[in-house]
Amino acid sequence: MTTKARSAAKKQPIRLRTLAAGDFETVYELDQLCYSREVAYSRRELSWYMRLPGAEGVVAEVDDSVGGFILWARFDDSGHIITIDVLEEYRRLGVGTALLDEAERRIARRGASQIELETAVNNDAAIAFWKRHGYQTRGILKNYYPGGLNAYAMMKPLAGGRAKKPPK
């Protein structure tokens, strides 16, 4: 994206809406673009995650197209972010933050006291994003990703919640 196009995109409003079953092909294609082939979800995996009990998601539309989405599930008193995907041309424009803020609001409204997620230990941009939004590392998951790549298990207590504290 050129500097001029990026500047124009910054001025476009981000419209959030609930992820619907009819969005499957769009979000599947977006996931394939956002992650390496080894890490991106297969059609079967993404479909399974979208059908999990307690699964919800939000789509971000910018310039009349889908610029990103977030998918999560709620289990007991905790939410779990399955994936957040933002197309490269919409990164650092507030799309990821808008998606995450909306997910956190919805998860808290449903009674969760904390949110958990995993991110690759070598994904510096993602780690910085999560930490900037208050997530803390609570451990390392060995061989979590293909090729033996480890992941950080991260969590964030939600306002007013009784989340378990991460180990020091």
Foldseek 3Di string as FASTA:
>chain_A
DDPVVLVVQLPWDKDKDKDDPVCLVVQLVQQPQQDPPQFRDDSVVVVVQCPPAQKIKMFIDTPNGTQWMWIWGDDDQEIETPDTGGHPSCPPSCPSVVRVVVVLVVSVVVRHFKYKYKDFPPPVVVVVVCVVVAKDFQDKAFQPTPPGTIITIIMHTRVPGDDDDRDD
